[in-house]
């Protein structure tokens, strides 16, 4: 199969391909998604096959309006309208209990709930409108690897496996949406996956919102994507470095003593200081969590292509967007964190 690069003025053609059961990757403000008609079970099965995705991992359904969600959900949480009015379109996914028989178990992962999102990307919203159906849209990459934030990342993983990729340039946020479960028995919303819509922002709008801190093992079935203990991982092992320049110095000395070639994902200052000692560096620029988050997956992918033995990645405080950044980085690193004097003696 030849994978076609699709421009914004070819959206009608892309929509027709989706209705014919083909897979089309599409851009969002977070990462690129792998689109299929959410009402076509055979097409959705292709998504799992192409990604190598575990069958118990539910899919997020992408819509072009809240009215589209109302076709499949009867009862909404009291906070729903406030959330939709404030954060849609945008990087917030909402989990609802759907009407029985609405979606195939292939979409729901066997659950009675479905996660819905309205992405903040005009091209993709038009694609959904033209198709006239909701689209599943997991990240358009090989399952478990760093998510794609450019069309080229999608080509790297899926060229020859899908019909087309809608190219709209790099994504703006760089990590997947916040997933908010609105189906808890006690009625209080729960964040299952942190993202750009923070716990603080949600609480200011609707009151109490908790975060599910449980890390799923490989044997546990997730209620939302990205909840596995290890995820977003390049082939090269990743270690998180938590601390200042001195800790990076200790980490690099330890790696050199063990004859390990190092890749470094950090800010301008750190990459410049250690550029002669690391085999490869990727700087996200200023020491800001927004920049680190936007380029995280791109950085891990770029370093993974170098001849290195491990990647050291800079940590940030788990506050605001830092919670989303560290959530993805900890899973990429399989929870491995280097701190001052932790293993360097």
C-alpha atoms as a PDB file:
ATOM      1  CA  UNK A   1       0.000   0.000   0.000  1.00  0.00           C
ATOM      2  CA  UNK A   2       1.245   3.466  -0.843  1.00  0.00           C
ATOM      3  CA  UNK A   3       0.676   6.022   1.912  1.00  0.00           C
ATOM      4  CA  UNK A   4      -0.472   9.350   0.455  1.00  0.00           C
ATOM      5  CA  UNK A   5       0.450  12.679   2.012  1.00  0.00           C
ATOM      6  CA  UNK A   6      -2.863  14.576   2.125  1.00  0.00           C
ATOM      7  CA  UNK A   7      -3.137  18.363   2.142  1.00  0.00           C
ATOM      8  CA  UNK A   8      -5.908  20.472   3.693  1.00  0.00           C
ATOM      9  CA  UNK A   9      -7.607  20.941   0.313  1.00  0.00           C
ATOM     10  CA  UNK A  10      -7.896  17.154  -0.140  1.00  0.00           C
ATOM     11  CA  UNK A  11      -9.992  16.562   2.990  1.00  0.00           C
ATOM     12  CA  UNK A  12     -13.054  15.413   1.052  1.00  0.00           C
ATOM     13  CA  UNK A  13     -10.987  12.651  -0.538  1.00  0.00           C
ATOM     14  CA  UNK A  14      -9.632  11.639   2.862  1.00  0.00           C
ATOM     15  CA  UNK A  15     -13.166  11.484   4.288  1.00  0.00           C
ATOM     16  CA  UNK A  16     -14.243   9.181   1.445  1.00  0.00           C
ATOM     17  CA  UNK A  17     -11.320   6.862   2.172  1.00  0.00           C
ATOM     18  CA  UNK A  18     -12.381   6.682   5.825  1.00  0.00           C
ATOM     19  CA  UNK A  19     -15.930   5.753   4.800  1.00  0.00           C
ATOM     20  CA  UNK A  20     -14.458   3.017   2.614  1.00  0.00           C
ATOM     21  CA  UNK A  21     -12.801   1.464   5.665  1.00  0.00           C
ATOM     22  CA  UNK A  22      -9.316   2.875   5.138  1.00  0.00           C
ATOM     23  CA  UNK A  23      -7.056   4.373   7.824  1.00  0.00           C
ATOM     24  CA  UNK A  24      -6.080   8.059   7.676  1.00  0.00           C
ATOM     25  CA  UNK A  25      -3.724   9.736  10.135  1.00  0.00           C
ATOM     26  CA  UNK A  26      -4.819  13.217  11.173  1.00  0.00           C
ATOM     27  CA  UNK A  27      -3.316  16.160  13.067  1.00  0.00           C
ATOM     28  CA  UNK A  28      -4.511  17.525  16.385  1.00  0.00           C
ATOM     29  CA  UNK A  29      -3.136  20.122  18.763  1.00  0.00           C
ATOM     30  CA  UNK A  30      -1.689  17.317  20.936  1.00  0.00           C
ATOM     31  CA  UNK A  31      -0.274  14.533  18.723  1.00  0.00           C
ATOM     32  CA  UNK A  32      -1.176  12.944  15.379  1.00  0.00           C
ATOM     33  CA  UNK A  33      -4.010  10.407  15.556  1.00  0.00           C
ATOM     34  CA  UNK A  34      -4.652   7.273  13.504  1.00  0.00           C
ATOM     35  CA  UNK A  35      -8.183   7.703  12.207  1.00  0.00           C
ATOM     36  CA  UNK A  36     -10.779   5.087  11.339  1.00  0.00           C
ATOM     37  CA  UNK A  37     -14.574   5.153  11.197  1.00  0.00           C
ATOM     38  CA  UNK A  38     -15.555   4.444  14.809  1.00  0.00           C
ATOM     39  CA  UNK A  39     -18.758   2.721  13.609  1.00  0.00           C
ATOM     40  CA  UNK A  40     -16.907   0.330  11.279  1.00  0.00           C
ATOM     41  CA  UNK A  41     -15.654  -2.601  13.364  1.00  0.00           C
ATOM     42  CA  UNK A  42     -13.466  -3.989  10.584  1.00  0.00           C
ATOM     43  CA  UNK A  43     -11.748  -0.622  10.133  1.00  0.00           C
ATOM     44  CA  UNK A  44     -11.164  -0.278  13.870  1.00  0.00           C
ATOM     45  CA  UNK A  45      -9.624  -3.752  13.970  1.00  0.00           C
ATOM     46  CA  UNK A  46      -7.155  -2.535  11.334  1.00  0.00           C
ATOM     47  CA  UNK A  47      -6.061   0.196  13.755  1.00  0.00           C
ATOM     48  CA  UNK A  48      -5.108  -2.372  16.379  1.00  0.00           C
ATOM     49  CA  UNK A  49      -3.324  -4.517  13.808  1.00  0.00           C
ATOM     50  CA  UNK A  50      -1.362  -1.648  12.239  1.00  0.00           C
ATOM     51  CA  UNK A  51      -0.250  -0.244  15.609  1.00  0.00           C
ATOM     52  CA  UNK A  52       0.309  -3.601  17.293  1.00  0.00           C
ATOM     53  CA  UNK A  53      -1.980  -2.279  20.023  1.00  0.00           C
ATOM     54  CA  UNK A  54      -3.247  -4.539  22.852  1.00  0.00           C
ATOM     55  CA  UNK A  55      -6.926  -5.371  22.318  1.00  0.00           C
ATOM     56  CA  UNK A  56      -7.883  -4.387  25.892  1.00  0.00           C
ATOM     57  CA  UNK A  57      -6.702  -0.800  25.371  1.00  0.00           C
ATOM     58  CA  UNK A  58      -9.806   1.336  24.619  1.00  0.00           C
ATOM     59  CA  UNK A  59      -9.805   4.014  21.931  1.00  0.00           C
ATOM     60  CA  UNK A  60     -10.706   7.693  22.122  1.00  0.00           C
ATOM     61  CA  UNK A  61     -13.546   8.676  19.787  1.00  0.00           C
ATOM     62  CA  UNK A  62     -13.049  12.034  18.061  1.00  0.00           C
ATOM     63  CA  UNK A  63     -16.041  14.208  17.197  1.00  0.00           C
ATOM     64  CA  UNK A  64     -16.619  17.527  15.471  1.00  0.00           C
ATOM     65  CA  UNK A  65     -19.300  18.761  17.908  1.00  0.00           C
ATOM     66  CA  UNK A  66     -20.908  17.956  21.243  1.00  0.00           C
ATOM     67  CA  UNK A  67     -24.137  17.202  19.358  1.00  0.00           C
ATOM     68  CA  UNK A  68     -22.354  14.220  17.822  1.00  0.00           C
ATOM     69  CA  UNK A  69     -21.720  12.838  21.317  1.00  0.00           C
ATOM     70  CA  UNK A  70     -25.410  13.170  22.197  1.00  0.00           C
ATOM     71  CA  UNK A  71     -26.226  10.529  19.587  1.00  0.00           C
ATOM     72  CA  UNK A  72     -24.465   7.913  21.704  1.00  0.00           C
ATOM     73  CA  UNK A  73     -24.849   9.066  25.326  1.00  0.00           C
ATOM     74  CA  UNK A  74     -28.132   9.429  27.217  1.00  0.00           C
ATOM     75  CA  UNK A  75     -27.055  10.539  30.688  1.00  0.00           C
ATOM     76  CA  UNK A  76     -24.432  13.214  31.239  1.00  0.00           C
ATOM     77  CA  UNK A  77     -22.593  14.244  34.378  1.00  0.00           C
ATOM     78  CA  UNK A  78     -23.902  17.620  35.697  1.00  0.00           C
ATOM     79  CA  UNK A  79     -20.538  19.251  34.951  1.00  0.00           C
ATOM     80  CA  UNK A  80     -20.475  18.154  31.317  1.00  0.00           C
ATOM     81  CA  UNK A  81     -21.824  21.306  29.701  1.00  0.00           C
ATOM     82  CA  UNK A  82     -19.434  23.549  31.631  1.00  0.00           C
ATOM     83  CA  UNK A  83     -16.505  21.380  30.604  1.00  0.00           C
ATOM     84  CA  UNK A  84     -17.537  21.300  26.948  1.00  0.00           C
ATOM     85  CA  UNK A  85     -18.214  25.046  26.827  1.00  0.00           C
ATOM     86  CA  UNK A  86     -14.814  25.817  28.364  1.00  0.00           C
ATOM     87  CA  UNK A  87     -12.440  23.208  26.952  1.00  0.00           C
ATOM     88  CA  UNK A  88     -13.891  21.987  23.625  1.00  0.00           C
ATOM     89  CA  UNK A  89     -12.429  22.049  21.114  1.00  0.00           C
ATOM     90  CA  UNK A  90      -9.251  21.329  23.020  1.00  0.00           C
ATOM     91  CA  UNK A  91      -7.013  18.820  24.798  1.00  0.00           C
ATOM     92  CA  UNK A  92      -9.656  17.375  27.138  1.00  0.00           C
ATOM     93  CA  UNK A  93     -11.118  13.880  26.702  1.00  0.00           C
ATOM     94  CA  UNK A  94     -14.329  13.047  28.590  1.00  0.00           C
ATOM     95  CA  UNK A  95     -15.429   9.525  29.492  1.00  0.00           C
ATOM     96  CA  UNK A  96     -19.171   8.791  29.417  1.00  0.00           C
ATOM     97  CA  UNK A  97     -21.276   5.683  29.763  1.00  0.00           C
ATOM     98  CA  UNK A  98     -22.682   5.039  26.269  1.00  0.00           C
ATOM     99  CA  UNK A  99     -25.986   3.584  25.183  1.00  0.00           C
ATOM    100  CA  UNK A 100     -25.822  -0.243  24.909  1.00  0.00           C
ATOM    101  CA  UNK A 101     -24.849  -1.519  21.474  1.00  0.00           C
ATOM    102  CA  UNK A 102     -23.635   1.883  20.310  1.00  0.00           C
ATOM    103  CA  UNK A 103     -20.013   0.980  19.677  1.00  0.00           C
ATOM    104  CA  UNK A 104     -18.256  -2.302  19.051  1.00  0.00           C
ATOM    105  CA  UNK A 105     -16.318  -3.817  21.948  1.00  0.00           C
ATOM    106  CA  UNK A 106     -13.286  -3.342  19.721  1.00  0.00           C
ATOM    107  CA  UNK A 107     -13.692   0.414  20.320  1.00  0.00           C
ATOM    108  CA  UNK A 108     -14.573   0.230  24.017  1.00  0.00           C
ATOM    109  CA  UNK A 109     -12.062  -2.427  25.039  1.00  0.00           C
ATOM    110  CA  UNK A 110     -15.041  -4.374  26.391  1.00  0.00           C
ATOM    111  CA  UNK A 111     -16.134  -1.539  28.695  1.00  0.00           C
ATOM    112  CA  UNK A 112     -19.533   0.178  28.949  1.00  0.00           C
ATOM    113  CA  UNK A 113     -17.858   3.562  28.638  1.00  0.00           C
ATOM    114  CA  UNK A 114     -16.307   5.517  25.784  1.00  0.00           C
ATOM    115  CA  UNK A 115     -13.865   8.439  25.827  1.00  0.00           C
ATOM    116  CA  UNK A 116     -14.797  11.371  23.546  1.00  0.00           C
ATOM    117  CA  UNK A 117     -12.739  14.344  22.409  1.00  0.00           C
ATOM    118  CA  UNK A 118     -13.221  17.327  20.098  1.00  0.00           C
ATOM    119  CA  UNK A 119      -9.715  18.219  18.874  1.00  0.00           C
ATOM    120  CA  UNK A 120      -8.685  21.829  18.390  1.00  0.00           C
ATOM    121  CA  UNK A 121      -7.563  21.504  14.773  1.00  0.00           C
ATOM    122  CA  UNK A 122      -9.662  23.028  12.000  1.00  0.00           C
ATOM    123  CA  UNK A 123      -8.466  20.567   9.352  1.00  0.00           C
ATOM    124  CA  UNK A 124      -9.359  17.527  11.417  1.00  0.00           C
ATOM    125  CA  UNK A 125     -12.713  18.964  12.495  1.00  0.00           C
ATOM    126  CA  UNK A 126     -13.526  19.430   8.816  1.00  0.00           C
ATOM    127  CA  UNK A 127     -12.401  15.850   8.124  1.00  0.00           C
ATOM    128  CA  UNK A 128     -14.848  14.529  10.732  1.00  0.00           C
ATOM    129  CA  UNK A 129     -17.643  16.734   9.381  1.00  0.00           C
ATOM    130  CA  UNK A 130     -17.017  15.559   5.825  1.00  0.00           C
ATOM    131  CA  UNK A 131     -17.012  11.917   6.922  1.00  0.00           C
ATOM    132  CA  UNK A 132     -20.179  12.428   8.958  1.00  0.00           C
ATOM    133  CA  UNK A 133     -19.088   9.810  11.512  1.00  0.00           C
ATOM    134  CA  UNK A 134     -16.971   9.870  14.672  1.00  0.00           C
ATOM    135  CA  UNK A 135     -13.376   8.690  14.280  1.00  0.00           C
ATOM    136  CA  UNK A 136     -11.259   6.624  16.595  1.00  0.00           C
ATOM    137  CA  UNK A 137      -7.878   8.285  16.877  1.00  0.00           C
ATOM    138  CA  UNK A 138      -5.142   6.666  18.951  1.00  0.00           C
ATOM    139  CA  UNK A 139      -1.668   8.075  18.416  1.00  0.00           C
ATOM    140  CA  UNK A 140      -0.474   7.297  14.883  1.00  0.00           C
ATOM    141  CA  UNK A 141       2.607   5.315  15.839  1.00  0.00           C
ATOM    142  CA  UNK A 142       3.758   1.833  16.711  1.00  0.00           C
ATOM    143  CA  UNK A 143       2.119   0.970  20.028  1.00  0.00           C
ATOM    144  CA  UNK A 144       4.223   1.741  23.095  1.00  0.00           C
ATOM    145  CA  UNK A 145       6.674   3.996  21.248  1.00  0.00           C
ATOM    146  CA  UNK A 146       6.913   7.813  21.473  1.00  0.00           C
ATOM    147  CA  UNK A 147       3.821   9.439  20.000  1.00  0.00           C
ATOM    148  CA  UNK A 148       4.092  11.323  16.678  1.00  0.00           C
ATOM    149  CA  UNK A 149       4.086  15.107  16.703  1.00  0.00           C
ATOM    150  CA  UNK A 150       4.809  15.575  12.977  1.00  0.00           C
ATOM    151  CA  UNK A 151       3.557  13.892   9.819  1.00  0.00           C
ATOM    152  CA  UNK A 152       7.095  12.637   9.241  1.00  0.00           C
ATOM    153  CA  UNK A 153       6.967  10.715  12.523  1.00  0.00           C
ATOM    154  CA  UNK A 154       3.826   8.991  11.243  1.00  0.00           C
ATOM    155  CA  UNK A 155       5.510   8.145   7.941  1.00  0.00           C
ATOM    156  CA  UNK A 156       8.441   6.683   9.853  1.00  0.00           C
ATOM    157  CA  UNK A 157       6.207   4.235  11.742  1.00  0.00           C
ATOM    158  CA  UNK A 158       3.293   3.569   9.404  1.00  0.00           C
ATOM    159  CA  UNK A 159       4.365   4.213   5.805  1.00  0.00           C
ATOM    160  CA  UNK A 160       2.944   1.492   3.570  1.00  0.00           C
ATOM    161  CA  UNK A 161       0.473   0.393   6.282  1.00  0.00           C
ATOM    162  CA  UNK A 162      -2.194   3.124   6.009  1.00  0.00           C
ATOM    163  CA  UNK A 163      -3.914   4.944   3.146  1.00  0.00           C
ATOM    164  CA  UNK A 164      -2.899   8.493   3.986  1.00  0.00           C
ATOM    165  CA  UNK A 165      -1.612  11.142   6.373  1.00  0.00           C
ATOM    166  CA  UNK A 166      -3.129  14.605   6.630  1.00  0.00           C
ATOM    167  CA  UNK A 167      -0.099  16.862   7.037  1.00  0.00           C
ATOM    168  CA  UNK A 168      -0.726  20.033   9.061  1.00  0.00           C
ATOM    169  CA  UNK A 169       2.765  20.619  10.404  1.00  0.00           C
ATOM    170  CA  UNK A 170       4.045  20.063  13.965  1.00  0.00           C
ATOM    171  CA  UNK A 171       1.562  19.799  16.823  1.00  0.00           C
ATOM    172  CA  UNK A 172       1.356  22.627  19.360  1.00  0.00           C
ATOM    173  CA  UNK A 173       1.182  20.835  22.727  1.00  0.00           C
ATOM    174  CA  UNK A 174       3.178  17.668  22.147  1.00  0.00           C
ATOM    175  CA  UNK A 175       1.543  15.235  24.605  1.00  0.00           C
ATOM    176  CA  UNK A 176      -1.855  13.594  24.543  1.00  0.00           C
ATOM    177  CA  UNK A 177      -5.014  15.099  26.013  1.00  0.00           C
ATOM    178  CA  UNK A 178      -6.123  15.071  29.621  1.00  0.00           C
ATOM    179  CA  UNK A 179      -8.543  12.171  30.152  1.00  0.00           C
ATOM    180  CA  UNK A 180     -11.322  12.929  32.661  1.00  0.00           C
ATOM    181  CA  UNK A 181     -13.583  10.111  33.821  1.00  0.00           C
ATOM    182  CA  UNK A 182     -17.121  11.342  34.510  1.00  0.00           C
ATOM    183  CA  UNK A 183     -18.552   7.916  35.404  1.00  0.00           C
ATOM    184  CA  UNK A 184     -17.267   7.355  38.966  1.00  0.00           C
ATOM    185  CA  UNK A 185     -19.929   6.026  41.341  1.00  0.00           C
ATOM    186  CA  UNK A 186     -19.402   8.848  43.835  1.00  0.00           C
ATOM    187  CA  UNK A 187     -19.996  11.420  41.091  1.00  0.00           C
ATOM    188  CA  UNK A 188     -16.600  13.096  41.429  1.00  0.00           C
ATOM    189  CA  UNK A 189     -14.564  13.426  38.215  1.00  0.00           C
ATOM    190  CA  UNK A 190     -11.198  11.631  38.091  1.00  0.00           C
ATOM    191  CA  UNK A 191      -8.202  12.397  35.883  1.00  0.00           C
ATOM    192  CA  UNK A 192      -6.980   9.113  34.421  1.00  0.00           C
ATOM    193  CA  UNK A 193      -4.279  10.701  32.266  1.00  0.00           C
ATOM    194  CA  UNK A 194      -2.844  14.200  32.837  1.00  0.00           C
ATOM    195  CA  UNK A 195      -2.502  16.599  29.933  1.00  0.00           C
ATOM    196  CA  UNK A 196      -2.532  20.286  29.084  1.00  0.00           C
ATOM    197  CA  UNK A 197      -5.869  20.825  30.860  1.00  0.00           C
ATOM    198  CA  UNK A 198      -4.615  20.682  34.429  1.00  0.00           C
ATOM    199  CA  UNK A 199      -6.217  19.528  37.655  1.00  0.00           C
ATOM    200  CA  UNK A 200      -6.129  23.128  38.896  1.00  0.00           C
ATOM    201  CA  UNK A 201      -7.966  24.428  35.821  1.00  0.00           C
ATOM    202  CA  UNK A 202     -10.623  21.753  36.153  1.00  0.00           C
ATOM    203  CA  UNK A 203     -11.136  22.347  39.867  1.00  0.00           C
ATOM    204  CA  UNK A 204     -11.571  26.081  39.341  1.00  0.00           C
ATOM    205  CA  UNK A 205     -14.399  25.285  36.939  1.00  0.00           C
ATOM    206  CA  UNK A 206     -16.230  22.315  38.477  1.00  0.00           C
ATOM    207  CA  UNK A 207     -14.912  21.762  42.000  1.00  0.00           C
ATOM    208  CA  UNK A 208     -13.378  18.539  43.307  1.00  0.00           C
ATOM    209  CA  UNK A 209     -11.299  16.606  40.762  1.00  0.00           C
ATOM    210  CA  UNK A 210      -8.907  13.855  41.823  1.00  0.00           C
ATOM    211  CA  UNK A 211      -6.050  12.173  39.958  1.00  0.00           C
ATOM    212  CA  UNK A 212      -5.804   8.405  39.596  1.00  0.00           C
ATOM    213  CA  UNK A 213      -2.203   7.673  40.597  1.00  0.00           C
ATOM    214  CA  UNK A 214      -2.474   3.922  40.069  1.00  0.00           C
ATOM    215  CA  UNK A 215       0.038   2.507  37.592  1.00  0.00           C
ATOM    216  CA  UNK A 216      -1.385  -0.405  35.644  1.00  0.00           C
ATOM    217  CA  UNK A 217       0.652  -3.545  35.176  1.00  0.00           C
ATOM    218  CA  UNK A 218       0.807  -5.195  31.764  1.00  0.00           C
ATOM    219  CA  UNK A 219      -1.902  -7.633  32.877  1.00  0.00           C
ATOM    220  CA  UNK A 220      -4.441  -5.007  33.989  1.00  0.00           C
ATOM    221  CA  UNK A 221      -7.066  -3.621  31.606  1.00  0.00           C
ATOM    222  CA  UNK A 222      -6.990   0.195  31.297  1.00  0.00           C
ATOM    223  CA  UNK A 223     -10.072   2.433  31.230  1.00  0.00           C
ATOM    224  CA  UNK A 224      -8.244   4.996  29.093  1.00  0.00           C
ATOM    225  CA  UNK A 225      -5.203   5.005  26.809  1.00  0.00           C
ATOM    226  CA  UNK A 226      -1.696   5.616  28.160  1.00  0.00           C
ATOM    227  CA  UNK A 227      -2.302   4.129  31.619  1.00  0.00           C
ATOM    228  CA  UNK A 228       0.199   1.283  31.341  1.00  0.00           C
ATOM    229  CA  UNK A 229       3.272   1.248  33.583  1.00  0.00           C
ATOM    230  CA  UNK A 230       5.599   1.466  30.565  1.00  0.00           C
ATOM    231  CA  UNK A 231       4.605   3.399  27.457  1.00  0.00           C
ATOM    232  CA  UNK A 232       5.903   6.033  25.011  1.00  0.00           C
ATOM    233  CA  UNK A 233       9.286   4.295  25.040  1.00  0.00           C
ATOM    234  CA  UNK A 234      12.060   4.490  22.444  1.00  0.00           C
ATOM    235  CA  UNK A 235      14.212   1.411  21.870  1.00  0.00           C
ATOM    236  CA  UNK A 236      17.113   2.999  23.757  1.00  0.00           C
ATOM    237  CA  UNK A 237      16.598   2.918  27.565  1.00  0.00           C
ATOM    238  CA  UNK A 238      15.615   6.251  29.134  1.00  0.00           C
ATOM    239  CA  UNK A 239      16.653   7.510  32.558  1.00  0.00           C
ATOM    240  CA  UNK A 240      15.159  10.620  34.142  1.00  0.00           C
ATOM    241  CA  UNK A 241      17.701  12.946  35.736  1.00  0.00           C
ATOM    242  CA  UNK A 242      16.188  14.866  38.629  1.00  0.00           C
ATOM    243  CA  UNK A 243      18.300  17.766  39.852  1.00  0.00           C
ATOM    244  CA  UNK A 244      20.751  20.437  38.801  1.00  0.00           C
ATOM    245  CA  UNK A 245      23.922  20.441  36.710  1.00  0.00           C
ATOM    246  CA  UNK A 246      25.781  18.566  39.450  1.00  0.00           C
ATOM    247  CA  UNK A 247      23.397  15.603  39.190  1.00  0.00           C
ATOM    248  CA  UNK A 248      23.771  15.544  35.407  1.00  0.00           C
ATOM    249  CA  UNK A 249      27.546  15.558  35.943  1.00  0.00           C
ATOM    250  CA  UNK A 250      27.277  12.564  38.293  1.00  0.00           C
ATOM    251  CA  UNK A 251      25.011  10.732  35.855  1.00  0.00           C
ATOM    252  CA  UNK A 252      27.314  11.322  32.905  1.00  0.00           C
ATOM    253  CA  UNK A 253      30.406  10.289  34.872  1.00  0.00           C
ATOM    254  CA  UNK A 254      28.628   7.108  35.962  1.00  0.00           C
ATOM    255  CA  UNK A 255      27.646   6.325  32.369  1.00  0.00           C
ATOM    256  CA  UNK A 256      31.169   6.970  31.083  1.00  0.00           C
ATOM    257  CA  UNK A 257      32.639   4.728  33.784  1.00  0.00           C
ATOM    258  CA  UNK A 258      30.322   1.982  32.545  1.00  0.00           C
ATOM    259  CA  UNK A 259      31.282   2.662  28.906  1.00  0.00           C
ATOM    260  CA  UNK A 260      27.779   3.840  27.994  1.00  0.00           C
ATOM    261  CA  UNK A 261      27.256   6.233  25.078  1.00  0.00           C
ATOM    262  CA  UNK A 262      24.845   8.933  26.175  1.00  0.00           C
ATOM    263  CA  UNK A 263      22.019  10.842  24.538  1.00  0.00           C
ATOM    264  CA  UNK A 264      20.856  13.952  26.392  1.00  0.00           C
ATOM    265  CA  UNK A 265      17.369  15.551  26.319  1.00  0.00           C
ATOM    266  CA  UNK A 266      17.557  18.831  28.229  1.00  0.00           C
ATOM    267  CA  UNK A 267      17.502  22.623  28.000  1.00  0.00           C
ATOM    268  CA  UNK A 268      19.972  24.791  26.083  1.00  0.00           C
ATOM    269  CA  UNK A 269      22.235  25.385  29.048  1.00  0.00           C
ATOM    270  CA  UNK A 270      22.657  21.723  29.966  1.00  0.00           C
ATOM    271  CA  UNK A 271      23.063  20.451  26.408  1.00  0.00           C
ATOM    272  CA  UNK A 272      25.707  23.103  25.724  1.00  0.00           C
ATOM    273  CA  UNK A 273      27.612  22.239  28.896  1.00  0.00           C
ATOM    274  CA  UNK A 274      27.724  18.529  28.106  1.00  0.00           C
ATOM    275  CA  UNK A 275      27.776  18.536  24.314  1.00  0.00           C
ATOM    276  CA  UNK A 276      31.386  17.265  24.206  1.00  0.00           C
ATOM    277  CA  UNK A 277      30.706  14.397  26.603  1.00  0.00           C
ATOM    278  CA  UNK A 278      27.386  13.160  25.235  1.00  0.00           C
ATOM    279  CA  UNK A 279      27.287  11.170  22.017  1.00  0.00           C
ATOM    280  CA  UNK A 280      24.099  13.028  20.996  1.00  0.00           C
ATOM    281  CA  UNK A 281      22.072  15.921  22.400  1.00  0.00           C
ATOM    282  CA  UNK A 282      18.587  17.286  21.781  1.00  0.00           C
ATOM    283  CA  UNK A 283      17.754  20.659  23.293  1.00  0.00           C
ATOM    284  CA  UNK A 284      14.191  21.815  23.829  1.00  0.00           C
ATOM    285  CA  UNK A 285      15.439  25.412  24.187  1.00  0.00           C
ATOM    286  CA  UNK A 286      14.644  27.593  27.181  1.00  0.00           C
ATOM    287  CA  UNK A 287      14.221  25.944  30.545  1.00  0.00           C
ATOM    288  CA  UNK A 288      10.426  25.924  30.309  1.00  0.00           C
ATOM    289  CA  UNK A 289       8.135  22.946  30.801  1.00  0.00           C
ATOM    290  CA  UNK A 290       5.978  24.070  27.865  1.00  0.00           C
ATOM    291  CA  UNK A 291       8.942  23.709  25.495  1.00  0.00           C
ATOM    292  CA  UNK A 292      10.092  20.450  27.082  1.00  0.00           C
ATOM    293  CA  UNK A 293       6.601  18.982  26.706  1.00  0.00           C
ATOM    294  CA  UNK A 294       6.099  20.134  23.126  1.00  0.00           C
ATOM    295  CA  UNK A 295       9.338  18.506  21.970  1.00  0.00           C
ATOM    296  CA  UNK A 296       9.506  15.484  24.303  1.00  0.00           C
ATOM    297  CA  UNK A 297       8.412  12.818  21.831  1.00  0.00           C
ATOM    298  CA  UNK A 298      10.323  14.410  18.960  1.00  0.00           C
ATOM    299  CA  UNK A 299      13.440  14.500  21.127  1.00  0.00           C
ATOM    300  CA  UNK A 300      13.152  10.881  22.211  1.00  0.00           C
ATOM    301  CA  UNK A 301      12.605   9.807  18.607  1.00  0.00           C
ATOM    302  CA  UNK A 302      15.594  11.808  17.342  1.00  0.00           C
ATOM    303  CA  UNK A 303      17.937  10.477  20.031  1.00  0.00           C
ATOM    304  CA  UNK A 304      16.696   6.930  19.486  1.00  0.00           C
ATOM    305  CA  UNK A 305      18.081   7.078  15.945  1.00  0.00           C
ATOM    306  CA  UNK A 306      21.611   7.826  17.179  1.00  0.00           C
ATOM    307  CA  UNK A 307      24.268   5.267  18.091  1.00  0.00           C
ATOM    308  CA  UNK A 308      23.800   5.532  21.848  1.00  0.00           C
ATOM    309  CA  UNK A 309      23.238   3.167  24.769  1.00  0.00           C
ATOM    310  CA  UNK A 310      20.945   5.264  26.944  1.00  0.00           C
ATOM    311  CA  UNK A 311      19.103   8.587  27.124  1.00  0.00           C
ATOM    312  CA  UNK A 312      19.264  10.993  30.057  1.00  0.00           C
ATOM    313  CA  UNK A 313      16.177  13.253  30.138  1.00  0.00           C
ATOM    314  CA  UNK A 314      15.631  16.338  32.274  1.00  0.00           C
ATOM    315  CA  UNK A 315      12.949  16.242  34.963  1.00  0.00           C
ATOM    316  CA  UNK A 316      10.513  19.046  35.842  1.00  0.00           C
ATOM    317  CA  UNK A 317       8.385  19.605  38.969  1.00  0.00           C
ATOM    318  CA  UNK A 318       5.067  17.770  38.727  1.00  0.00           C
ATOM    319  CA  UNK A 319       2.993  20.956  38.837  1.00  0.00           C
ATOM    320  CA  UNK A 320       0.553  22.082  36.153  1.00  0.00           C
ATOM    321  CA  UNK A 321       1.742  20.947  32.732  1.00  0.00           C
ATOM    322  CA  UNK A 322       4.712  19.358  34.491  1.00  0.00           C
ATOM    323  CA  UNK A 323       2.368  16.582  35.630  1.00  0.00           C
ATOM    324  CA  UNK A 324       1.672  15.634  32.012  1.00  0.00           C
ATOM    325  CA  UNK A 325       5.333  15.927  31.023  1.00  0.00           C
ATOM    326  CA  UNK A 326       6.535  13.744  33.895  1.00  0.00           C
ATOM    327  CA  UNK A 327       3.705  11.253  33.388  1.00  0.00           C
ATOM    328  CA  UNK A 328       4.898  10.574  29.835  1.00  0.00           C
ATOM    329  CA  UNK A 329       8.586  10.707  30.712  1.00  0.00           C
ATOM    330  CA  UNK A 330       8.257   8.321  33.665  1.00  0.00           C
ATOM    331  CA  UNK A 331       6.483   5.808  31.452  1.00  0.00           C
ATOM    332  CA  UNK A 332       9.073   6.231  28.700  1.00  0.00           C
ATOM    333  CA  UNK A 333      11.732   5.554  31.347  1.00  0.00           C
ATOM    334  CA  UNK A 334       9.762   2.718  32.947  1.00  0.00           C
ATOM    335  CA  UNK A 335       9.869   4.801  36.175  1.00  0.00           C
ATOM    336  CA  UNK A 336      13.715   4.938  36.330  1.00  0.00           C
ATOM    337  CA  UNK A 337      14.852   8.168  38.041  1.00  0.00           C
ATOM    338  CA  UNK A 338      18.394   9.297  38.871  1.00  0.00           C
ATOM    339  CA  UNK A 339      18.715  11.668  41.831  1.00  0.00           C
ATOM    340  CA  UNK A 340      21.667  13.128  43.691  1.00  0.00           C
ATOM    341  CA  UNK A 341      23.919  10.286  44.911  1.00  0.00           C
ATOM    342  CA  UNK A 342      21.242   7.706  44.082  1.00  0.00           C
ATOM    343  CA  UNK A 343      23.436   5.224  42.204  1.00  0.00           C
ATOM    344  CA  UNK A 344      26.705   6.970  41.616  1.00  0.00           C
ATOM    345  CA  UNK A 345      28.764   5.819  44.579  1.00  0.00           C
END
